[in-house]
PDB file of N, CA and C in Angstrom:
ATOM      1  N   MET A   1       0.821  -1.195   0.000  1.00  0.00           N
ATOM      2  CA  MET A   1       0.000   0.000   0.000  1.00  0.00           C
ATOM      3  C   MET A   1       0.870   1.267   0.000  1.00  0.00           C
ATOM      4  N   LEU A   2       1.986   1.204   0.705  1.00  0.00           N
ATOM      5  CA  LEU A   2       2.862   2.362   0.799  1.00  0.00           C
ATOM      6  C   LEU A   2       3.487   2.705  -0.556  1.00  0.00           C
ATOM      7  N   VAL A   3       3.743   1.676  -1.363  1.00  0.00           N
ATOM      8  CA  VAL A   3       4.304   1.905  -2.690  1.00  0.00           C
ATOM      9  C   VAL A   3       3.328   2.710  -3.541  1.00  0.00           C
ATOM     10  N   HIS A   4       2.069   2.383  -3.455  1.00  0.00           N
ATOM     11  CA  HIS A   4       1.054   3.100  -4.225  1.00  0.00           C
ATOM     12  C   HIS A   4       0.921   4.552  -3.771  1.00  0.00           C
ATOM     13  N   ILE A   5       0.987   4.764  -2.494  1.00  0.00           N
ATOM     14  CA  ILE A   5       0.891   6.121  -1.952  1.00  0.00           C
ATOM     15  C   ILE A   5       2.094   6.953  -2.389  1.00  0.00           C
ATOM     16  N   LYS A   6       3.300   6.385  -2.340  1.00  0.00           N
ATOM     17  CA  LYS A   6       4.493   7.101  -2.777  1.00  0.00           C
ATOM     18  C   LYS A   6       4.440   7.388  -4.281  1.00  0.00           C
ATOM     19  N   PHE A   7       3.956   6.425  -5.064  1.00  0.00           N
ATOM     20  CA  PHE A   7       3.844   6.616  -6.505  1.00  0.00           C
ATOM     21  C   PHE A   7       2.881   7.756  -6.821  1.00  0.00           C
ATOM     22  N   ILE A   8       1.761   7.797  -6.156  1.00  0.00           N
ATOM     23  CA  ILE A   8       0.800   8.892  -6.353  1.00  0.00           C
ATOM     24  C   ILE A   8       1.402  10.215  -5.898  1.00  0.00           C
ATOM     25  N   SER A   9       2.180  10.191  -4.837  1.00  0.00           N
ATOM     26  CA  SER A   9       2.844  11.401  -4.354  1.00  0.00           C
ATOM     27  C   SER A   9       3.809  11.952  -5.398  1.00  0.00           C
ATOM     28  N   TYR A  10       4.593  11.075  -6.029  1.00  0.00           N
ATOM     29  CA  TYR A  10       5.528  11.517  -7.070  1.00  0.00           C
ATOM     30  C   TYR A  10       4.796  12.040  -8.294  1.00  0.00           C
ATOM     31  N   LEU A  11       3.716  11.411  -8.665  1.00  0.00           N
ATOM     32  CA  LEU A  11       2.927  11.894  -9.801  1.00  0.00           C
ATOM     33  C   LEU A  11       2.308  13.261  -9.501  1.00  0.00           C
ATOM     34  N   ALA A  12       1.843  13.442  -8.275  1.00  0.00           N
ATOM     35  CA  ALA A  12       1.240  14.722  -7.901  1.00  0.00           C
ATOM     36  C   ALA A  12       2.281  15.838  -7.910  1.00  0.00           C
ATOM     37  N   ARG A  13       3.489  15.535  -7.496  1.00  0.00           N
ATOM     38  CA  ARG A  13       4.547  16.548  -7.511  1.00  0.00           C
ATOM     39  C   ARG A  13       4.871  16.982  -8.937  1.00  0.00           C
ATOM     40  N   ALA A  14       4.987  16.024  -9.829  1.00  0.00           N
ATOM     41  CA  ALA A  14       5.283  16.346 -11.224  1.00  0.00           C
ATOM     42  C   ALA A  14       4.135  17.112 -11.864  1.00  0.00           C
ATOM     43  N   PHE A  15       2.914  16.718 -11.575  1.00  0.00           N
ATOM     44  CA  PHE A  15       1.750  17.407 -12.123  1.00  0.00           C
ATOM     45  C   PHE A  15       1.663  18.839 -11.605  1.00  0.00           C
ATOM     46  N   SER A  16       1.907  19.036 -10.317  1.00  0.00           N
ATOM     47  CA  SER A  16       1.834  20.388  -9.751  1.00  0.00           C
ATOM     48  C   SER A  16       2.930  21.279 -10.317  1.00  0.00           C
ATOM     49  N   LEU A  17       4.109  20.720 -10.580  1.00  0.00           N
ATOM     50  CA  LEU A  17       5.186  21.495 -11.198  1.00  0.00           C
ATOM     51  C   LEU A  17       4.788  21.938 -12.602  1.00  0.00           C
ATOM     52  N   GLY A  18       4.167  21.056 -13.364  1.00  0.00           N
ATOM     53  CA  GLY A  18       3.715  21.407 -14.709  1.00  0.00           C
ATOM     54  C   GLY A  18       2.626  22.460 -14.697  1.00  0.00           C
ATOM     55  N   VAL A  19       1.674  22.335 -13.774  1.00  0.00           N
ATOM     56  CA  VAL A  19       0.590  23.323 -13.668  1.00  0.00           C
ATOM     57  C   VAL A  19       1.142  24.681 -13.258  1.00  0.00           C
ATOM     58  N   LEU A  20       2.088  24.702 -12.353  1.00  0.00           N
ATOM     59  CA  LEU A  20       2.705  25.956 -11.916  1.00  0.00           C
ATOM     60  C   LEU A  20       3.413  26.646 -13.073  1.00  0.00           C
ATOM     61  N   LEU A  21       4.179  25.902 -13.833  1.00  0.00           N
ATOM     62  CA  LEU A  21       4.889  26.460 -14.975  1.00  0.00           C
ATOM     63  C   LEU A  21       3.912  26.989 -16.015  1.00  0.00           C
ATOM     64  N   PHE A  22       2.873  26.233 -16.316  1.00  0.00           N
ATOM     65  CA  PHE A  22       1.877  26.651 -17.299  1.00  0.00           C
ATOM     66  C   PHE A  22       1.143  27.912 -16.847  1.00  0.00           C
ATOM     67  N   ALA A  23       0.716  27.964 -15.607  1.00  0.00           N
ATOM     68  CA  ALA A  23      -0.038  29.120 -15.110  1.00  0.00           C
ATOM     69  C   ALA A  23       0.811  30.389 -15.124  1.00  0.00           C
ATOM     70  N   ASN A  24       2.070  30.280 -14.758  1.00  0.00           N
ATOM     71  CA  ASN A  24       2.940  31.465 -14.775  1.00  0.00           C
ATOM     72  C   ASN A  24       3.157  31.983 -16.186  1.00  0.00           C
ATOM     73  N   MET A  25       3.363  31.075 -17.140  1.00  0.00           N
ATOM     74  CA  MET A  25       3.591  31.510 -18.516  1.00  0.00           C
ATOM     75  C   MET A  25       2.329  32.143 -19.107  1.00  0.00           C
ATOM     76  N   VAL A  26       1.190  31.529 -18.902  1.00  0.00           N
ATOM     77  CA  VAL A  26      -0.049  32.040 -19.491  1.00  0.00           C
ATOM     78  C   VAL A  26      -0.449  33.377 -18.878  1.00  0.00           C
ATOM     79  N   SER A  27      -0.291  33.531 -17.594  1.00  0.00           N
ATOM     80  CA  SER A  27      -0.704  34.780 -16.954  1.00  0.00           C
ATOM     81  C   SER A  27       0.136  35.964 -17.426  1.00  0.00           C
ATOM     82  N   ARG A  28       1.443  35.762 -17.550  1.00  0.00           N
ATOM     83  CA  ARG A  28       2.300  36.862 -18.006  1.00  0.00           C
ATOM     84  C   ARG A  28       2.032  37.219 -19.466  1.00  0.00           C
ATOM     85  N   HIS A  29       1.847  36.205 -20.295  1.00  0.00           N
ATOM     86  CA  HIS A  29       1.579  36.486 -21.705  1.00  0.00           C
ATOM     87  C   HIS A  29       0.213  37.144 -21.890  1.00  0.00           C
ATOM     88  N   SER A  30      -0.756  36.744 -21.088  1.00  0.00           N
ATOM     89  CA  SER A  30      -2.081  37.367 -21.163  1.00  0.00           C
ATOM     90  C   SER A  30      -2.017  38.839 -20.763  1.00  0.00           C
ATOM     91  N   LEU A  31      -1.262  39.144 -19.721  1.00  0.00           N
ATOM     92  CA  LEU A  31      -1.118  40.535 -19.283  1.00  0.00           C
ATOM     93  C   LEU A  31      -0.472  41.380 -20.374  1.00  0.00           C
ATOM     94  N   LEU A  32       0.583  40.876 -20.997  1.00  0.00           N
ATOM     95  CA  LEU A  32       1.245  41.640 -22.052  1.00  0.00           C
ATOM     96  C   LEU A  32       0.361  41.778 -23.286  1.00  0.00           C
ATOM     97  N   THR A  33      -0.434  40.776 -23.603  1.00  0.00           N
ATOM     98  CA  THR A  33      -1.353  40.862 -24.747  1.00  0.00           C
ATOM     99  C   THR A  33      -2.421  41.913 -24.501  1.00  0.00           C
ATOM    100  N   ILE A  34      -2.990  41.936 -23.318  1.00  0.00           N
ATOM    101  CA  ILE A  34      -4.015  42.931 -22.983  1.00  0.00           C
ATOM    102  C   ILE A  34      -3.428  44.332 -23.009  1.00  0.00           C
ATOM    103  N   LEU A  35      -2.254  44.503 -22.435  1.00  0.00           N
ATOM    104  CA  LEU A  35      -1.627  45.822 -22.399  1.00  0.00           C
ATOM    105  C   LEU A  35      -1.241  46.297 -23.791  1.00  0.00           C
ATOM    106  N   SER A  36      -0.725  45.416 -24.636  1.00  0.00           N
ATOM    107  CA  SER A  36      -0.363  45.837 -25.988  1.00  0.00           C
ATOM    108  C   SER A  36      -1.607  46.133 -26.824  1.00  0.00           C
ATOM    109  N   GLY A  37      -2.697  45.434 -26.586  1.00  0.00           N
ATOM    110  CA  GLY A  37      -3.952  45.746 -27.267  1.00  0.00           C
ATOM    111  C   GLY A  37      -4.525  47.081 -26.831  1.00  0.00           C
ATOM    112  N   PHE A  38      -4.178  47.529 -25.661  1.00  0.00           N
ATOM    113  CA  PHE A  38      -4.632  48.823 -25.148  1.00  0.00           C
ATOM    114  C   PHE A  38      -3.794  49.972 -25.704  1.00  0.00           C
ATOM    115  N   ILE A  39      -2.526  49.718 -25.941  1.00  0.00           N
ATOM    116  CA  ILE A  39      -1.613  50.784 -26.372  1.00  0.00           C
ATOM    117  C   ILE A  39      -1.826  51.170 -27.834  1.00  0.00           C
ATOM    118  N   LEU A  40      -2.003  50.202 -28.714  1.00  0.00           N
ATOM    119  CA  LEU A  40      -2.102  50.484 -30.145  1.00  0.00           C
ATOM    120  C   LEU A  40      -3.237  51.437 -30.509  1.00  0.00           C
ATOM    121  N   PRO A  41      -4.459  51.266 -30.024  1.00  0.00           N
ATOM    122  CA  PRO A  41      -5.501  52.248 -30.355  1.00  0.00           C
ATOM    123  C   PRO A  41      -5.220  53.646 -29.804  1.00  0.00           C
ATOM    124  N   MET A  42      -4.499  53.720 -28.701  1.00  0.00           N
ATOM    125  CA  MET A  42      -4.179  55.037 -28.144  1.00  0.00           C
ATOM    126  C   MET A  42      -3.210  55.795 -29.050  1.00  0.00           C
ATOM    127  N   TYR A  43      -2.263  55.088 -29.648  1.00  0.00           N
ATOM    128  CA  TYR A  43      -1.303  55.746 -30.543  1.00  0.00           C
ATOM    129  C   TYR A  43      -1.964  56.249 -31.817  1.00  0.00           C
ATOM    130  N   THR A  44      -2.977  55.587 -32.294  1.00  0.00           N
ATOM    131  CA  THR A  44      -3.579  55.944 -33.581  1.00  0.00           C
ATOM    132  C   THR A  44      -4.740  56.913 -33.458  1.00  0.00           C
ATOM    133  N   SER A  45      -5.144  57.278 -32.246  1.00  0.00           N
ATOM    134  CA  SER A  45      -6.341  58.112 -32.101  1.00  0.00           C
ATOM    135  C   SER A  45      -6.066  59.614 -32.115  1.00  0.00           C
ATOM    136  N   GLY A  46      -4.874  60.057 -31.868  1.00  0.00           N
ATOM    137  CA  GLY A  46      -4.588  61.489 -31.884  1.00  0.00           C
ATOM    138  C   GLY A  46      -3.258  61.794 -31.236  1.00  0.00           C
ATOM    139  N   ILE A  47      -2.840  63.036 -31.386  1.00  0.00           N
ATOM    140  CA  ILE A  47      -1.519  63.434 -30.883  1.00  0.00           C
ATOM    141  C   ILE A  47      -1.484  63.507 -29.357  1.00  0.00           C
ATOM    142  N   ILE A  48      -2.573  63.967 -28.759  1.00  0.00           N
ATOM    143  CA  ILE A  48      -2.602  64.093 -27.298  1.00  0.00           C
ATOM    144  C   ILE A  48      -2.643  62.708 -26.647  1.00  0.00           C
ATOM    145  N   THR A  49      -3.500  61.838 -27.170  1.00  0.00           N
ATOM    146  CA  THR A  49      -3.564  60.493 -26.590  1.00  0.00           C
ATOM    147  C   THR A  49      -2.306  59.690 -26.906  1.00  0.00           C
ATOM    148  N   ALA A  50      -1.646  59.997 -28.033  1.00  0.00           N
ATOM    149  CA  ALA A  50      -0.384  59.324 -28.334  1.00  0.00           C
ATOM    150  C   ALA A  50       0.684  59.714 -27.318  1.00  0.00           C
ATOM    151  N   THR A  51       0.639  60.962 -26.870  1.00  0.00           N
ATOM    152  CA  THR A  51       1.579  61.407 -25.841  1.00  0.00           C
ATOM    153  C   THR A  51       1.272  60.724 -24.512  1.00  0.00           C
ATOM    154  N   VAL A  52      -0.004  60.622 -24.193  1.00  0.00           N
ATOM    155  CA  VAL A  52      -0.411  59.956 -22.950  1.00  0.00           C
ATOM    156  C   VAL A  52      -0.105  58.455 -23.027  1.00  0.00           C
ATOM    157  N   ALA A  53      -0.115  57.897 -24.242  1.00  0.00           N
ATOM    158  CA  ALA A  53       0.136  56.460 -24.425  1.00  0.00           C
ATOM    159  C   ALA A  53       1.581  56.084 -24.147  1.00  0.00           C
ATOM    160  N   LEU A  54       2.448  57.057 -23.966  1.00  0.00           N
ATOM    161  CA  LEU A  54       3.834  56.738 -23.631  1.00  0.00           C
ATOM    162  C   LEU A  54       3.948  56.083 -22.260  1.00  0.00           C
ATOM    163  N   ILE A  55       3.053  56.445 -21.348  1.00  0.00           N
ATOM    164  CA  ILE A  55       3.086  55.849 -20.004  1.00  0.00           C
ATOM    165  C   ILE A  55       2.811  54.349 -20.069  1.00  0.00           C
ATOM    166  N   PRO A  56       1.706  53.896 -20.717  1.00  0.00           N
ATOM    167  CA  PRO A  56       1.514  52.449 -20.815  1.00  0.00           C
ATOM    168  C   PRO A  56       2.589  51.755 -21.657  1.00  0.00           C
ATOM    169  N   PHE A  57       3.159  52.479 -22.630  1.00  0.00           N
ATOM    170  CA  PHE A  57       4.213  51.887 -23.436  1.00  0.00           C
ATOM    171  C   PHE A  57       5.445  51.581 -22.593  1.00  0.00           C
ATOM    172  N   PHE A  58       5.863  52.525 -21.759  1.00  0.00           N
ATOM    173  CA  PHE A  58       7.014  52.282 -20.900  1.00  0.00           C
ATOM    174  C   PHE A  58       6.708  51.212 -19.850  1.00  0.00           C
ATOM    175  N   LEU A  59       5.455  51.160 -19.409  1.00  0.00           N
ATOM    176  CA  LEU A  59       5.045  50.087 -18.502  1.00  0.00           C
ATOM    177  C   LEU A  59       5.145  48.738 -19.204  1.00  0.00           C
ATOM    178  N   PHE A  60       4.752  48.694 -20.475  1.00  0.00           N
ATOM    179  CA  PHE A  60       4.850  47.473 -21.270  1.00  0.00           C
ATOM    180  C   PHE A  60       6.303  47.036 -21.427  1.00  0.00           C
ATOM    181  N   VAL A  61       7.190  47.979 -21.699  1.00  0.00           N
ATOM    182  CA  VAL A  61       8.619  47.660 -21.851  1.00  0.00           C
ATOM    183  C   VAL A  61       9.188  47.153 -20.518  1.00  0.00           C
ATOM    184  N   ALA A  62       8.801  47.791 -19.422  1.00  0.00           N
ATOM    185  CA  ALA A  62       9.285  47.353 -18.110  1.00  0.00           C
ATOM    186  C   ALA A  62       8.768  45.953 -17.776  1.00  0.00           C
ATOM    187  N   LEU A  63       7.511  45.690 -18.074  1.00  0.00           N
ATOM    188  CA  LEU A  63       6.960  44.359 -17.813  1.00  0.00           C
ATOM    189  C   LEU A  63       7.604  43.300 -18.700  1.00  0.00           C
ATOM    190  N   SER A  64       7.974  43.670 -19.909  1.00  0.00           N
ATOM    191  CA  SER A  64       8.673  42.717 -20.781  1.00  0.00           C
ATOM    192  C   SER A  64      10.031  42.360 -20.204  1.00  0.00           C
ATOM    193  N   GLY A  65      10.749  43.357 -19.696  1.00  0.00           N
ATOM    194  CA  GLY A  65      12.023  43.087 -19.039  1.00  0.00           C
ATOM    195  C   GLY A  65      11.852  42.243 -17.789  1.00  0.00           C
ATOM    196  N   LEU A  66      10.806  42.528 -17.027  1.00  0.00           N
ATOM    197  CA  LEU A  66      10.517  41.733 -15.838  1.00  0.00           C
ATOM    198  C   LEU A  66      10.165  40.298 -16.221  1.00  0.00           C
ATOM    199  N   GLU A  67       9.464  40.134 -17.336  1.00  0.00           N
ATOM    200  CA  GLU A  67       9.107  38.793 -17.784  1.00  0.00           C
ATOM    201  C   GLU A  67      10.346  37.986 -18.149  1.00  0.00           C
ATOM    202  N   VAL A  68      11.319  38.626 -18.764  1.00  0.00           N
ATOM    203  CA  VAL A  68      12.565  37.929 -19.091  1.00  0.00           C
ATOM    204  C   VAL A  68      13.289  37.513 -17.809  1.00  0.00           C
ATOM    205  N   ALA A  69      13.351  38.406 -16.833  1.00  0.00           N
ATOM    206  CA  ALA A  69      14.031  38.084 -15.573  1.00  0.00           C
ATOM    207  C   ALA A  69      13.317  36.951 -14.833  1.00  0.00           C
ATOM    208  N   VAL A  70      12.006  37.005 -14.777  1.00  0.00           N
ATOM    209  CA  VAL A  70      11.244  35.962 -14.096  1.00  0.00           C
ATOM    210  C   VAL A  70      11.381  34.638 -14.840  1.00  0.00           C
ATOM    211  N   SER A  71      11.453  34.686 -16.163  1.00  0.00           N
ATOM    212  CA  SER A  71      11.618  33.460 -16.944  1.00  0.00           C
ATOM    213  C   SER A  71      12.952  32.787 -16.634  1.00  0.00           C
ATOM    214  N   ILE A  72      13.993  33.574 -16.480  1.00  0.00           N
ATOM    215  CA  ILE A  72      15.305  33.013 -16.149  1.00  0.00           C
ATOM    216  C   ILE A  72      15.275  32.370 -14.763  1.00  0.00           C
ATOM    217  N   ILE A  73      14.687  33.061 -13.802  1.00  0.00           N
ATOM    218  CA  ILE A  73      14.590  32.511 -12.448  1.00  0.00           C
ATOM    219  C   ILE A  73      13.719  31.254 -12.436  1.00  0.00           C
ATOM    220  N   GLN A  74      12.623  31.297 -13.163  1.00  0.00           N
ATOM    221  CA  GLN A  74      11.716  30.158 -13.190  1.00  0.00           C
ATOM    222  C   GLN A  74      12.365  28.950 -13.882  1.00  0.00           C
ATOM    223  N   THR A  75      13.163  29.196 -14.897  1.00  0.00           N
ATOM    224  CA  THR A  75      13.881  28.103 -15.544  1.00  0.00           C
ATOM    225  C   THR A  75      14.853  27.453 -14.577  1.00  0.00           C
ATOM    226  N   TYR A  76      15.538  28.258 -13.804  1.00  0.00           N
ATOM    227  CA  TYR A  76      16.468  27.733 -12.799  1.00  0.00           C
ATOM    228  C   TYR A  76      15.728  26.874 -11.774  1.00  0.00           C
ATOM    229  N   VAL A  77      14.616  27.397 -11.251  1.00  0.00           N
ATOM    230  CA  VAL A  77      13.844  26.649 -10.252  1.00  0.00           C
ATOM    231  C   VAL A  77      13.284  25.364 -10.856  1.00  0.00           C
ATOM    232  N   PHE A  78      12.803  25.438 -12.091  1.00  0.00           N
ATOM    233  CA  PHE A  78      12.263  24.261 -12.758  1.00  0.00           C
ATOM    234  C   PHE A  78      13.334  23.185 -12.914  1.00  0.00           C
ATOM    235  N   CYS A  79      14.538  23.580 -13.298  1.00  0.00           N
ATOM    236  CA  CYS A  79      15.627  22.613 -13.460  1.00  0.00           C
ATOM    237  C   CYS A  79      16.024  22.001 -12.120  1.00  0.00           C
ATOM    238  N   ILE A  80      16.091  22.811 -11.081  1.00  0.00           N
ATOM    239  CA  ILE A  80      16.449  22.297  -9.757  1.00  0.00           C
ATOM    240  C   ILE A  80      15.388  21.317  -9.254  1.00  0.00           C
ATOM    241  N   LEU A  81      14.121  21.672  -9.394  1.00  0.00           N
ATOM    242  CA  LEU A  81      13.057  20.779  -8.933  1.00  0.00           C
ATOM    243  C   LEU A  81      13.006  19.508  -9.759  1.00  0.00           C
ATOM    244  N   THR A  82      13.194  19.630 -11.065  1.00  0.00           N
ATOM    245  CA  THR A  82      13.177  18.440 -11.908  1.00  0.00           C
ATOM    246  C   THR A  82      14.319  17.499 -11.550  1.00  0.00           C
ATOM    247  N   SER A  83      15.506  18.047 -11.344  1.00  0.00           N
ATOM    248  CA  SER A  83      16.627  17.181 -10.965  1.00  0.00           C
ATOM    249  C   SER A  83      16.404  16.567  -9.585  1.00  0.00           C
ATOM    250  N   SER A  84      15.762  17.293  -8.708  1.00  0.00           N
ATOM    251  CA  SER A  84      15.443  16.746  -7.390  1.00  0.00           C
ATOM    252  C   SER A  84      14.439  15.604  -7.508  1.00  0.00           C
ATOM    253  N   TYR A  85      13.435  15.762  -8.350  1.00  0.00           N
ATOM    254  CA  TYR A  85      12.437  14.707  -8.540  1.00  0.00           C
ATOM    255  C   TYR A  85      13.056  13.488  -9.210  1.00  0.00           C
ATOM    256  N   ILE A  86      13.953  13.717 -10.161  1.00  0.00           N
ATOM    257  CA  ILE A  86      14.626  12.585 -10.816  1.00  0.00           C
ATOM    258  C   ILE A  86      15.514  11.853  -9.821  1.00  0.00           C
ATOM    259  N   LYS A  87      16.217  12.599  -8.962  1.00  0.00           N
ATOM    260  CA  LYS A  87      17.045  11.976  -7.936  1.00  0.00           C
ATOM    261  C   LYS A  87      16.187  11.146  -6.991  1.00  0.00           C
ATOM    262  N   ASP A  88      15.027  11.691  -6.599  1.00  0.00           N
ATOM    263  CA  ASP A  88      14.131  10.945  -5.711  1.00  0.00           C
ATOM    264  C   ASP A  88      13.625   9.677  -6.384  1.00  0.00           C
ATOM    265  N   THR A  89      13.402   9.743  -7.671  1.00  0.00           N
ATOM    266  CA  THR A  89      12.918   8.565  -8.379  1.00  0.00           C
ATOM    267  C   THR A  89      14.006   7.504  -8.488  1.00  0.00           C
ATOM    268  N   LEU A  90      15.233   7.938  -8.758  1.00  0.00           N
ATOM    269  CA  LEU A  90      16.326   6.966  -8.883  1.00  0.00           C
ATOM    270  C   LEU A  90      16.725   6.375  -7.541  1.00  0.00           C
ATOM    271  N   ASP A  91      16.648   7.168  -6.489  1.00  0.00           N
ATOM    272  CA  ASP A  91      16.987   6.696  -5.153  1.00  0.00           C
ATOM    273  C   ASP A  91      15.712   6.414  -4.369  1.00  0.00           C
ATOM    274  N   LEU A  92      14.810   5.678  -4.951  1.00  0.00           N
ATOM    275  CA  LEU A  92      13.502   5.438  -4.348  1.00  0.00           C
ATOM    276  C   LEU A  92      13.652   4.670  -3.037  1.00  0.00           C
ATOM    277  N   GLN A  93      13.334   5.382  -1.956  1.00  0.00           N
ATOM    278  CA  GLN A  93      13.376   4.767  -0.642  1.00  0.00           C
ATOM    279  C   GLN A  93      12.004   4.915  -0.028  1.00  0.00           C
ATOM    280  N   LEU A  94      11.488   3.859   0.477  1.00  0.00           N
ATOM    281  CA  LEU A  94      10.134   3.870   1.017  1.00  0.00           C
ATOM    282  C   LEU A  94      10.115   3.976   2.529  1.00  0.00           C
ATOM    283  N   ILE A  95      11.115   4.615   3.072  1.00  0.00           N
ATOM    284  CA  ILE A  95      11.186   4.748   4.530  1.00  0.00           C
ATOM    285  C   ILE A  95      10.577   6.052   4.946  1.00  0.00           C
TER     286      ILE A  95
END
């Protein structure tokens, strides 16, 4: 019975890691898509709104830079967790 519980535990860990990675990627891309869809009509509507649109544009550029930094950190964490899970699988101890 303990073998089955440990096997389900390992599957749940891998599944939760995949869901975490997917949710982080989708949420950031959705935010940038919404923000870029907001900026383009502002630039084309007039000179005054184009000037005001510089604020969301710089916010978009800053968020893009933040997305790159978070992606690098998340890749590192993903690799560390994956190697930890692989080590646990190879050194399977049921104690």
